Amino acid sequence: REIAAALNARGIRTARGGNWYASTVRNLLARPGSVSGR
């Protein structure tokens, strides 16, 4: 949630052009080449 809020505050959109939520951040982190760690 904190990461989603920070991305939204910076005006950065998701790949589909929407706002970030905990679920979309989770999906992002699960993709290859993204950030590792729990």
PDB file of all heavy atoms in Angstrom:
ATOM      1  N   ARG A   1       0.839  -1.210   0.000  1.00  0.00           N
ATOM      2  CA  ARG A   1       0.000   0.000   0.000  1.00  0.00           C
ATOM      3  C   ARG A   1       0.872   1.258   0.000  1.00  0.00           C
ATOM      4  O   ARG A   1       0.552   2.250  -0.681  1.00  0.00           O
ATOM      5  CB  ARG A   1      -0.933  -0.001   1.213  1.00  0.00           C
ATOM      6  CG  ARG A   1      -2.046  -1.030   1.132  1.00  0.00           C
ATOM      7  CD  ARG A   1      -3.049  -0.853   2.253  1.00  0.00           C
ATOM      8  NE  ARG A   1      -4.117  -1.832   2.181  1.00  0.00           N
ATOM      9  CZ  ARG A   1      -4.073  -3.030   2.744  1.00  0.00           C
ATOM     10  NH1 ARG A   1      -2.999  -3.397   3.427  1.00  0.00           N
ATOM     11  NH2 ARG A   1      -5.091  -3.873   2.627  1.00  0.00           N
ATOM     12  N   GLU A   2       1.958   1.243   0.764  1.00  0.00           N
ATOM     13  CA  GLU A   2       2.842   2.408   0.820  1.00  0.00           C
ATOM     14  C   GLU A   2       3.529   2.637  -0.524  1.00  0.00           C
ATOM     15  O   GLU A   2       3.664   3.777  -0.983  1.00  0.00           O
ATOM     16  CB  GLU A   2       3.893   2.212   1.920  1.00  0.00           C
ATOM     17  CG  GLU A   2       3.324   2.312   3.323  1.00  0.00           C
ATOM     18  CD  GLU A   2       4.321   1.903   4.394  1.00  0.00           C
ATOM     19  OE1 GLU A   2       5.348   1.262   4.051  1.00  0.00           O
ATOM     20  OE2 GLU A   2       4.088   2.222   5.571  1.00  0.00           O
ATOM     21  N   ILE A   3       3.948   1.564  -1.172  1.00  0.00           N
ATOM     22  CA  ILE A   3       4.583   1.690  -2.482  1.00  0.00           C
ATOM     23  C   ILE A   3       3.573   2.207  -3.507  1.00  0.00           C
ATOM     24  O   ILE A   3       3.877   3.085  -4.322  1.00  0.00           O
ATOM     25  CB  ILE A   3       5.166   0.337  -2.935  1.00  0.00           C
ATOM     26  CG1 ILE A   3       6.319  -0.065  -2.014  1.00  0.00           C
ATOM     27  CG2 ILE A   3       5.655   0.413  -4.379  1.00  0.00           C
ATOM     28  CD1 ILE A   3       6.827  -1.473  -2.245  1.00  0.00           C
ATOM     29  N   ALA A   4       2.343   1.678  -3.468  1.00  0.00           N
ATOM     30  CA  ALA A   4       1.294   2.136  -4.388  1.00  0.00           C
ATOM     31  C   ALA A   4       1.020   3.622  -4.200  1.00  0.00           C
ATOM     32  O   ALA A   4       0.912   4.372  -5.178  1.00  0.00           O
ATOM     33  CB  ALA A   4       0.016   1.322  -4.170  1.00  0.00           C
ATOM     34  N   ALA A   5       0.918   4.052  -2.951  1.00  0.00           N
ATOM     35  CA  ALA A   5       0.644   5.458  -2.665  1.00  0.00           C
ATOM     36  C   ALA A   5       1.771   6.353  -3.172  1.00  0.00           C
ATOM     37  O   ALA A   5       1.529   7.430  -3.726  1.00  0.00           O
ATOM     38  CB  ALA A   5       0.450   5.657  -1.156  1.00  0.00           C
ATOM     39  N   ALA A   6       3.014   5.904  -3.009  1.00  0.00           N
ATOM     40  CA  ALA A   6       4.161   6.693  -3.463  1.00  0.00           C
ATOM     41  C   ALA A   6       4.207   6.785  -4.985  1.00  0.00           C
ATOM     42  O   ALA A   6       4.513   7.845  -5.548  1.00  0.00           O
ATOM     43  CB  ALA A   6       5.457   6.084  -2.936  1.00  0.00           C
ATOM     44  N   LEU A   7       3.899   5.696  -5.667  1.00  0.00           N
ATOM     45  CA  LEU A   7       3.872   5.719  -7.138  1.00  0.00           C
ATOM     46  C   LEU A   7       2.779   6.658  -7.639  1.00  0.00           C
ATOM     47  O   LEU A   7       2.990   7.434  -8.581  1.00  0.00           O
ATOM     48  CB  LEU A   7       3.651   4.305  -7.681  1.00  0.00           C
ATOM     49  CG  LEU A   7       4.819   3.325  -7.530  1.00  0.00           C
ATOM     50  CD1 LEU A   7       4.382   1.914  -7.899  1.00  0.00           C
ATOM     51  CD2 LEU A   7       6.004   3.752  -8.397  1.00  0.00           C
ATOM     52  N   ASN A   8       1.596   6.594  -7.000  1.00  0.00           N
ATOM     53  CA  ASN A   8       0.500   7.492  -7.392  1.00  0.00           C
ATOM     54  C   ASN A   8       0.869   8.943  -7.135  1.00  0.00           C
ATOM     55  O   ASN A   8       0.546   9.835  -7.935  1.00  0.00           O
ATOM     56  CB  ASN A   8      -0.771   7.126  -6.637  1.00  0.00           C
ATOM     57  CG  ASN A   8      -1.373   5.810  -7.106  1.00  0.00           C
ATOM     58  OD1 ASN A   8      -1.242   5.441  -8.272  1.00  0.00           O
ATOM     59  ND2 ASN A   8      -2.023   5.092  -6.204  1.00  0.00           N
ATOM     60  N   ALA A   9       1.555   9.206  -6.001  1.00  0.00           N
ATOM     61  CA  ALA A   9       1.947  10.577  -5.664  1.00  0.00           C
ATOM     62  C   ALA A   9       2.929  11.144  -6.681  1.00  0.00           C
ATOM     63  O   ALA A   9       2.953  12.347  -6.939  1.00  0.00           O
ATOM     64  CB  ALA A   9       2.562  10.611  -4.260  1.00  0.00           C
ATOM     65  N   ARG A  10       3.724  10.268  -7.286  1.00  0.00           N
ATOM     66  CA  ARG A  10       4.685  10.711  -8.296  1.00  0.00           C
ATOM     67  C   ARG A  10       4.059  10.836  -9.684  1.00  0.00           C
ATOM     68  O   ARG A  10       4.717  11.214 -10.637  1.00  0.00           O
ATOM     69  CB  ARG A  10       5.866   9.729  -8.381  1.00  0.00           C
ATOM     70  CG  ARG A  10       6.714   9.681  -7.128  1.00  0.00           C
ATOM     71  CD  ARG A  10       7.949   8.831  -7.348  1.00  0.00           C
ATOM     72  NE  ARG A  10       8.767   8.743  -6.153  1.00  0.00           N
ATOM     73  CZ  ARG A  10      10.060   8.429  -6.163  1.00  0.00           C
ATOM     74  NH1 ARG A  10      10.662   8.185  -7.309  1.00  0.00           N
ATOM     75  NH2 ARG A  10      10.750   8.350  -5.041  1.00  0.00           N
ATOM     76  N   GLY A  11       2.791  10.486  -9.797  1.00  0.00           N
ATOM     77  CA  GLY A  11       2.120  10.587 -11.085  1.00  0.00           C
ATOM     78  C   GLY A  11       2.463   9.473 -12.049  1.00  0.00           C
ATOM     79  O   GLY A  11       2.242   9.591 -13.250  1.00  0.00           O
ATOM     80  N   ILE A  12       3.000   8.365 -11.530  1.00  0.00           N
ATOM     81  CA  ILE A  12       3.390   7.241 -12.382  1.00  0.00           C
ATOM     82  C   ILE A  12       2.197   6.308 -12.527  1.00  0.00           C
ATOM     83  O   ILE A  12       1.561   5.940 -11.543  1.00  0.00           O
ATOM     84  CB  ILE A  12       4.592   6.502 -11.772  1.00  0.00           C
ATOM     85  CG1 ILE A  12       5.802   7.438 -11.747  1.00  0.00           C
ATOM     86  CG2 ILE A  12       4.915   5.237 -12.567  1.00  0.00           C
ATOM     87  CD1 ILE A  12       6.964   6.906 -10.969  1.00  0.00           C
ATOM     88  N   ARG A  13       1.907   5.899 -13.750  1.00  0.00           N
ATOM     89  CA  ARG A  13       0.749   5.051 -14.016  1.00  0.00           C
ATOM     90  C   ARG A  13       1.158   3.594 -14.181  1.00  0.00           C
ATOM     91  O   ARG A  13       2.321   3.278 -14.404  1.00  0.00           O
ATOM     92  CB  ARG A  13       0.024   5.532 -15.279  1.00  0.00           C
ATOM     93  CG  ARG A  13      -0.651   6.888 -15.122  1.00  0.00           C
ATOM     94  CD  ARG A  13      -1.243   7.328 -16.454  1.00  0.00           C
ATOM     95  NE  ARG A  13      -2.053   8.524 -16.334  1.00  0.00           N
ATOM     96  CZ  ARG A  13      -1.578   9.759 -16.316  1.00  0.00           C
ATOM     97  NH1 ARG A  13      -0.278   9.951 -16.395  1.00  0.00           N
ATOM     98  NH2 ARG A  13      -2.374  10.808 -16.222  1.00  0.00           N
ATOM     99  N   THR A  14       0.172   2.735 -14.073  1.00  0.00           N
ATOM    100  CA  THR A  14       0.392   1.315 -14.342  1.00  0.00           C
ATOM    101  C   THR A  14       0.578   1.120 -15.842  1.00  0.00           C
ATOM    102  O   THR A  14       0.426   2.050 -16.629  1.00  0.00           O
ATOM    103  CB  THR A  14      -0.800   0.478 -13.868  1.00  0.00           C
ATOM    104  OG1 THR A  14      -1.956   0.825 -14.655  1.00  0.00           O
ATOM    105  CG2 THR A  14      -1.110   0.720 -12.398  1.00  0.00           C
ATOM    106  N   ALA A  15       0.892  -0.112 -16.232  1.00  0.00           N
ATOM    107  CA  ALA A  15       1.101  -0.406 -17.653  1.00  0.00           C
ATOM    108  C   ALA A  15      -0.151  -0.108 -18.475  1.00  0.00           C
ATOM    109  O   ALA A  15      -0.067   0.204 -19.664  1.00  0.00           O
ATOM    110  CB  ALA A  15       1.512  -1.864 -17.836  1.00  0.00           C
ATOM    111  N   ARG A  16      -1.329  -0.187 -17.838  1.00  0.00           N
ATOM    112  CA  ARG A  16      -2.598   0.091 -18.538  1.00  0.00           C
ATOM    113  C   ARG A  16      -3.065   1.524 -18.341  1.00  0.00           C
ATOM    114  O   ARG A  16      -4.173   1.879 -18.737  1.00  0.00           O
ATOM    115  CB  ARG A  16      -3.675  -0.886 -18.069  1.00  0.00           C
ATOM    116  CG  ARG A  16      -3.357  -2.341 -18.443  1.00  0.00           C
ATOM    117  CD  ARG A  16      -4.494  -3.262 -18.081  1.00  0.00           C
ATOM    118  NE  ARG A  16      -4.221  -4.638 -18.490  1.00  0.00           N
ATOM    119  CZ  ARG A  16      -5.064  -5.634 -18.328  1.00  0.00           C
ATOM    120  NH1 ARG A  16      -6.252  -5.420 -17.764  1.00  0.00           N
ATOM    121  NH2 ARG A  16      -4.744  -6.854 -18.718  1.00  0.00           N
ATOM    122  N   GLY A  17      -2.234   2.343 -17.701  1.00  0.00           N
ATOM    123  CA  GLY A  17      -2.568   3.746 -17.545  1.00  0.00           C
ATOM    124  C   GLY A  17      -3.418   4.086 -16.343  1.00  0.00           C
ATOM    125  O   GLY A  17      -3.944   5.199 -16.261  1.00  0.00           O
ATOM    126  N   GLY A  18      -3.567   3.146 -15.403  1.00  0.00           N
ATOM    127  CA  GLY A  18      -4.407   3.385 -14.233  1.00  0.00           C
ATOM    128  C   GLY A  18      -3.607   3.727 -12.986  1.00  0.00           C
ATOM    129  O   GLY A  18      -2.382   3.887 -13.025  1.00  0.00           O
ATOM    130  N   ASN A  19      -4.319   3.838 -11.865  1.00  0.00           N
ATOM    131  CA  ASN A  19      -3.683   4.092 -10.575  1.00  0.00           C
ATOM    132  C   ASN A  19      -3.160   2.790  -9.967  1.00  0.00           C
ATOM    133  O   ASN A  19      -3.584   1.693 -10.342  1.00  0.00           O
ATOM    134  CB  ASN A  19      -4.684   4.740  -9.601  1.00  0.00           C
ATOM    135  CG  ASN A  19      -5.040   6.156 -10.008  1.00  0.00           C
ATOM    136  OD1 ASN A  19      -4.212   6.891 -10.539  1.00  0.00           O
ATOM    137  ND2 ASN A  19      -6.277   6.549  -9.758  1.00  0.00           N
ATOM    138  N   TRP A  20      -2.256   2.946  -9.016  1.00  0.00           N
ATOM    139  CA  TRP A  20      -1.660   1.784  -8.352  1.00  0.00           C
ATOM    140  C   TRP A  20      -2.456   1.413  -7.102  1.00  0.00           C
ATOM    141  O   TRP A  20      -2.949   2.275  -6.372  1.00  0.00           O
ATOM    142  CB  TRP A  20      -0.223   2.101  -7.953  1.00  0.00           C
ATOM    143  CG  TRP A  20       0.691   2.232  -9.124  1.00  0.00           C
ATOM    144  CD1 TRP A  20       1.015   3.386  -9.789  1.00  0.00           C
ATOM    145  CD2 TRP A  20       1.391   1.182  -9.794  1.00  0.00           C
ATOM    146  NE1 TRP A  20       1.868   3.109 -10.830  1.00  0.00           N
ATOM    147  CE2 TRP A  20       2.118   1.775 -10.858  1.00  0.00           C
ATOM    148  CE3 TRP A  20       1.464  -0.200  -9.593  1.00  0.00           C
ATOM    149  CZ2 TRP A  20       2.915   1.029 -11.708  1.00  0.00           C
ATOM    150  CZ3 TRP A  20       2.262  -0.941 -10.449  1.00  0.00           C
ATOM    151  CH2 TRP A  20       2.978  -0.341 -11.491  1.00  0.00           C
ATOM    152  N   TYR A  21      -2.568   0.103  -6.855  1.00  0.00           N
ATOM    153  CA  TYR A  21      -3.159  -0.442  -5.642  1.00  0.00           C
ATOM    154  C   TYR A  21      -2.219  -1.532  -5.140  1.00  0.00           C
ATOM    155  O   TYR A  21      -1.257  -1.917  -5.826  1.00  0.00           O
ATOM    156  CB  TYR A  21      -4.547  -1.016  -5.924  1.00  0.00           C
ATOM    157  CG  TYR A  21      -5.520   0.006  -6.481  1.00  0.00           C
ATOM    158  CD1 TYR A  21      -5.696   0.147  -7.850  1.00  0.00           C
ATOM    159  CD2 TYR A  21      -6.239   0.850  -5.628  1.00  0.00           C
ATOM    160  CE1 TYR A  21      -6.557   1.093  -8.370  1.00  0.00           C
ATOM    161  CE2 TYR A  21      -7.108   1.805  -6.139  1.00  0.00           C
ATOM    162  CZ  TYR A  21      -7.268   1.912  -7.507  1.00  0.00           C
ATOM    163  OH  TYR A  21      -8.116   2.860  -8.021  1.00  0.00           O
ATOM    164  N   ALA A  22      -2.493  -2.033  -3.951  1.00  0.00           N
ATOM    165  CA  ALA A  22      -1.641  -3.089  -3.393  1.00  0.00           C
ATOM    166  C   ALA A  22      -1.568  -4.279  -4.351  1.00  0.00           C
ATOM    167  O   ALA A  22      -0.503  -4.869  -4.557  1.00  0.00           O
ATOM    168  CB  ALA A  22      -2.173  -3.529  -2.030  1.00  0.00           C
ATOM    169  N   SER A  23      -2.706  -4.620  -4.972  1.00  0.00           N
ATOM    170  CA  SER A  23      -2.742  -5.775  -5.874  1.00  0.00           C
ATOM    171  C   SER A  23      -1.894  -5.549  -7.121  1.00  0.00           C
ATOM    172  O   SER A  23      -1.192  -6.458  -7.579  1.00  0.00           O
ATOM    173  CB  SER A  23      -4.181  -6.085  -6.280  1.00  0.00           C
ATOM    174  OG  SER A  23      -4.776  -4.957  -6.915  1.00  0.00           O
ATOM    175  N   THR A  24      -1.930  -4.323  -7.694  1.00  0.00           N
ATOM    176  CA  THR A  24      -1.144  -4.067  -8.898  1.00  0.00           C
ATOM    177  C   THR A  24       0.340  -3.988  -8.586  1.00  0.00           C
ATOM    178  O   THR A  24       1.174  -4.392  -9.398  1.00  0.00           O
ATOM    179  CB  THR A  24      -1.606  -2.766  -9.595  1.00  0.00           C
ATOM    180  OG1 THR A  24      -1.752  -1.732  -8.617  1.00  0.00           O
ATOM    181  CG2 THR A  24      -2.913  -2.975 -10.315  1.00  0.00           C
ATOM    182  N   VAL A  25       0.688  -3.501  -7.397  1.00  0.00           N
ATOM    183  CA  VAL A  25       2.093  -3.505  -6.982  1.00  0.00           C
ATOM    184  C   VAL A  25       2.570  -4.944  -6.808  1.00  0.00           C
ATOM    185  O   VAL A  25       3.676  -5.311  -7.211  1.00  0.00           O
ATOM    186  CB  VAL A  25       2.303  -2.705  -5.681  1.00  0.00           C
ATOM    187  CG1 VAL A  25       3.737  -2.868  -5.172  1.00  0.00           C
ATOM    188  CG2 VAL A  25       2.005  -1.234  -5.907  1.00  0.00           C
ATOM    189  N   ARG A  26       1.713  -5.798  -6.204  1.00  0.00           N
ATOM    190  CA  ARG A  26       2.077  -7.213  -6.015  1.00  0.00           C
ATOM    191  C   ARG A  26       2.328  -7.873  -7.370  1.00  0.00           C
ATOM    192  O   ARG A  26       3.309  -8.608  -7.544  1.00  0.00           O
ATOM    193  CB  ARG A  26       0.968  -7.954  -5.265  1.00  0.00           C
ATOM    194  CG  ARG A  26       1.320  -9.426  -4.969  1.00  0.00           C
ATOM    195  CD  ARG A  26       0.160 -10.176  -4.355  1.00  0.00           C
ATOM    196  NE  ARG A  26      -0.245  -9.605  -3.070  1.00  0.00           N
ATOM    197  CZ  ARG A  26      -1.368  -8.943  -2.870  1.00  0.00           C
ATOM    198  NH1 ARG A  26      -2.234  -8.754  -3.874  1.00  0.00           N
ATOM    199  NH2 ARG A  26      -1.663  -8.473  -1.676  1.00  0.00           N
ATOM    200  N   ASN A  27       1.463  -7.605  -8.345  1.00  0.00           N
ATOM    201  CA  ASN A  27       1.648  -8.160  -9.684  1.00  0.00           C
ATOM    202  C   ASN A  27       2.935  -7.646 -10.326  1.00  0.00           C
ATOM    203  O   ASN A  27       3.647  -8.390 -11.007  1.00  0.00           O
ATOM    204  CB  ASN A  27       0.457  -7.809 -10.580  1.00  0.00           C
ATOM    205  CG  ASN A  27      -0.827  -8.475 -10.122  1.00  0.00           C
ATOM    206  OD1 ASN A  27      -0.789  -9.477  -9.415  1.00  0.00           O
ATOM    207  ND2 ASN A  27      -1.959  -7.914 -10.502  1.00  0.00           N
ATOM    208  N   LEU A  28       3.224  -6.365 -10.110  1.00  0.00           N
ATOM    209  CA  LEU A  28       4.449  -5.780 -10.650  1.00  0.00           C
ATOM    210  C   LEU A  28       5.686  -6.475 -10.088  1.00  0.00           C
ATOM    211  O   LEU A  28       6.598  -6.855 -10.828  1.00  0.00           O
ATOM    212  CB  LEU A  28       4.500  -4.286 -10.313  1.00  0.00           C
ATOM    213  CG  LEU A  28       5.833  -3.592 -10.604  1.00  0.00           C
ATOM    214  CD1 LEU A  28       5.951  -3.295 -12.088  1.00  0.00           C
ATOM    215  CD2 LEU A  28       5.983  -2.323  -9.785  1.00  0.00           C
ATOM    216  N   LEU A  29       5.706  -6.666  -8.778  1.00  0.00           N
ATOM    217  CA  LEU A  29       6.880  -7.251  -8.129  1.00  0.00           C
ATOM    218  C   LEU A  29       7.073  -8.714  -8.510  1.00  0.00           C
ATOM    219  O   LEU A  29       8.177  -9.251  -8.366  1.00  0.00           O
ATOM    220  CB  LEU A  29       6.759  -7.124  -6.603  1.00  0.00           C
ATOM    221  CG  LEU A  29       6.659  -5.695  -6.058  1.00  0.00           C
ATOM    222  CD1 LEU A  29       6.589  -5.704  -4.543  1.00  0.00           C
ATOM    223  CD2 LEU A  29       7.838  -4.858  -6.525  1.00  0.00           C
ATOM    224  N   ALA A  30       6.006  -9.342  -8.992  1.00  0.00           N
ATOM    225  CA  ALA A  30       6.101 -10.753  -9.365  1.00  0.00           C
ATOM    226  C   ALA A  30       6.667 -10.950 -10.772  1.00  0.00           C
ATOM    227  O   ALA A  30       7.001 -12.073 -11.149  1.00  0.00           O
ATOM    228  CB  ALA A  30       4.726 -11.410  -9.280  1.00  0.00           C
ATOM    229  N   ARG A  31       6.790  -9.862 -11.538  1.00  0.00           N
ATOM    230  CA  ARG A  31       7.242  -9.998 -12.919  1.00  0.00           C
ATOM    231  C   ARG A  31       8.756 -10.102 -12.987  1.00  0.00           C
ATOM    232  O   ARG A  31       9.460  -9.558 -12.135  1.00  0.00           O
ATOM    233  CB  ARG A  31       6.765  -8.821 -13.768  1.00  0.00           C
ATOM    234  CG  ARG A  31       5.258  -8.657 -13.803  1.00  0.00           C
ATOM    235  CD  ARG A  31       4.844  -7.882 -15.033  1.00  0.00           C
ATOM    236  NE  ARG A  31       4.982  -8.705 -16.236  1.00  0.00           N
ATOM    237  CZ  ARG A  31       4.036  -9.537 -16.670  1.00  0.00           C
ATOM    238  NH1 ARG A  31       2.900  -9.673 -16.018  1.00  0.00           N
ATOM    239  NH2 ARG A  31       4.225 -10.233 -17.769  1.00  0.00           N
ATOM    240  N   PRO A  32       9.289 -10.750 -14.025  1.00  0.00           N
ATOM    241  CA  PRO A  32      10.745 -10.847 -14.208  1.00  0.00           C
ATOM    242  C   PRO A  32      11.360  -9.464 -14.362  1.00  0.00           C
ATOM    243  O   PRO A  32      10.777  -8.578 -14.992  1.00  0.00           O
ATOM    244  CB  PRO A  32      10.894 -11.646 -15.510  1.00  0.00           C
ATOM    245  CG  PRO A  32       9.604 -12.366 -15.674  1.00  0.00           C
ATOM    246  CD  PRO A  32       8.555 -11.488 -15.069  1.00  0.00           C
ATOM    247  N   GLY A  33      12.516  -9.264 -13.757  1.00  0.00           N
ATOM    248  CA  GLY A  33      13.228  -8.000 -13.884  1.00  0.00           C
ATOM    249  C   GLY A  33      12.767  -6.941 -12.920  1.00  0.00           C
ATOM    250  O   GLY A  33      13.260  -5.819 -12.922  1.00  0.00           O
ATOM    251  N   SER A  34      11.783  -7.276 -12.060  1.00  0.00           N
ATOM    252  CA  SER A  34      11.306  -6.309 -11.098  1.00  0.00           C
ATOM    253  C   SER A  34      12.112  -6.421  -9.810  1.00  0.00           C
ATOM    254  O   SER A  34      13.174  -7.042  -9.765  1.00  0.00           O
ATOM    255  CB  SER A  34       9.806  -6.523 -10.834  1.00  0.00           C
ATOM    256  OG  SER A  34       9.305  -5.461 -10.060  1.00  0.00           O
ATOM    257  N   VAL A  35      11.587  -5.847  -8.724  1.00  0.00           N
ATOM    258  CA  VAL A  35      12.305  -5.809  -7.454  1.00  0.00           C
ATOM    259  C   VAL A  35      12.112  -7.112  -6.703  1.00  0.00           C
ATOM    260  O   VAL A  35      10.990  -7.616  -6.583  1.00  0.00           O
ATOM    261  CB  VAL A  35      11.779  -4.632  -6.585  1.00  0.00           C
ATOM    262  CG1 VAL A  35      12.554  -4.560  -5.288  1.00  0.00           C
ATOM    263  CG2 VAL A  35      11.905  -3.336  -7.358  1.00  0.00           C
ATOM    264  N   SER A  36      13.191  -7.666  -6.211  1.00  0.00           N
ATOM    265  CA  SER A  36      13.087  -8.907  -5.434  1.00  0.00           C
ATOM    266  C   SER A  36      12.926  -8.592  -3.965  1.00  0.00           C
ATOM    267  O   SER A  36      13.164  -7.474  -3.526  1.00  0.00           O
ATOM    268  CB  SER A  36      14.356  -9.765  -5.663  1.00  0.00           C
ATOM    269  OG  SER A  36      15.500  -9.045  -5.252  1.00  0.00           O
ATOM    270  N   GLY A  37      12.577  -9.581  -3.199  1.00  0.00           N
ATOM    271  CA  GLY A  37      12.414  -9.390  -1.766  1.00  0.00           C
ATOM    272  C   GLY A  37      10.964  -9.404  -1.348  1.00  0.00           C
ATOM    273  O   GLY A  37      10.075  -9.068  -2.124  1.00  0.00           O
ATOM    274  N   ARG A  38      10.721  -9.791  -0.116  1.00  0.00           N
ATOM    275  CA  ARG A  38       9.350  -9.932   0.371  1.00  0.00           C
ATOM    276  C   ARG A  38       8.811  -8.566   0.778  1.00  0.00           C
ATOM    277  O   ARG A  38       9.467  -7.781   1.450  1.00  0.00           O
ATOM    278  CB  ARG A  38       9.326 -10.886   1.556  1.00  0.00           C
ATOM    279  CG  ARG A  38       7.930 -11.179   2.060  1.00  0.00           C
ATOM    280  CD  ARG A  38       7.980 -12.213   3.164  1.00  0.00           C
ATOM    281  NE  ARG A  38       6.653 -12.516   3.665  1.00  0.00           N
ATOM    282  CZ  ARG A  38       6.424 -13.369   4.657  1.00  0.00           C
ATOM    283  NH1 ARG A  38       7.441 -14.007   5.220  1.00  0.00           N
ATOM    284  NH2 ARG A  38       5.196 -13.599   5.061  1.00  0.00           N
TER     285      ARG A  38
END
